[in-house]
């Protein structure tokens, strides 16, 4: 669910910062992979949105 909500926003932000579409897609994927890998470290009240 988090990916569906935040991926387009993150991708748009990266594109606005000048990333190419391919680089933006790769960075979005990496960000969410790291989120999943480290989800156990997050507090229960952690908000992943800005």
Protein backbone atom coordinates (compact mmCIF):
# COMPACT_ATOMS: atom_id res chain seq x y z
CA UNK A 1 0.00 0.00 0.00
CA UNK A 2 2.79 2.42 0.88
CA UNK A 3 4.43 1.84 -2.49
CA UNK A 4 1.22 2.54 -4.42
CA UNK A 5 0.65 5.80 -2.56
CA UNK A 6 4.17 7.22 -2.43
CA UNK A 7 5.95 5.84 -5.52
CA UNK A 8 4.35 8.27 -8.00
CA UNK A 9 5.02 11.21 -5.69
CA UNK A 10 8.65 10.22 -5.17
CA UNK A 11 9.11 9.56 -8.87
CA UNK A 12 7.67 12.97 -9.74
CA UNK A 13 9.91 14.68 -7.22
CA UNK A 14 12.99 12.95 -8.62
CA UNK A 15 12.03 13.92 -12.15
CA UNK A 16 11.55 17.51 -10.98
CA UNK A 17 15.04 17.42 -9.48
CA UNK A 18 16.43 16.54 -12.90
CA UNK A 19 16.72 12.76 -12.79
CA UNK A 20 16.12 10.92 -16.03
CA UNK A 21 13.03 8.66 -16.03
CA UNK A 22 15.22 5.54 -15.85
CA UNK A 23 17.26 6.87 -12.93
CA UNK A 24 14.13 8.05 -11.11
CA UNK A 25 12.54 4.61 -11.46
CA UNK A 26 15.70 2.92 -10.17
CA UNK A 27 15.90 5.25 -7.16
CA UNK A 28 12.23 4.71 -6.30
CA UNK A 29 12.74 0.95 -6.39
CA UNK A 30 15.86 1.19 -4.23
CA UNK A 31 14.12 3.42 -1.68
CA UNK A 32 11.25 0.98 -1.23
CA UNK A 33 13.54 -2.04 -1.08
CA UNK A 34 15.42 -0.35 1.75
CA UNK A 35 12.16 0.52 3.48
CA UNK A 36 11.08 -3.13 3.36
CA UNK A 37 14.47 -4.41 4.51
CA UNK A 38 14.57 -2.08 7.49
CA UNK A 39 10.87 -1.96 8.38
CA UNK A 40 11.57 -3.83 11.61
CA UNK A 41 13.66 -0.90 12.86
CA UNK A 42 10.79 1.58 12.56
CA UNK A 43 8.75 2.62 15.57
CA UNK A 44 5.05 1.78 15.45
CA UNK A 45 4.16 5.47 15.10
CA UNK A 46 6.69 6.19 12.30
CA UNK A 47 5.24 8.05 9.32
CA UNK A 48 6.95 7.29 6.03
CA UNK A 49 5.50 10.33 4.26
CA UNK A 50 7.12 13.72 4.35
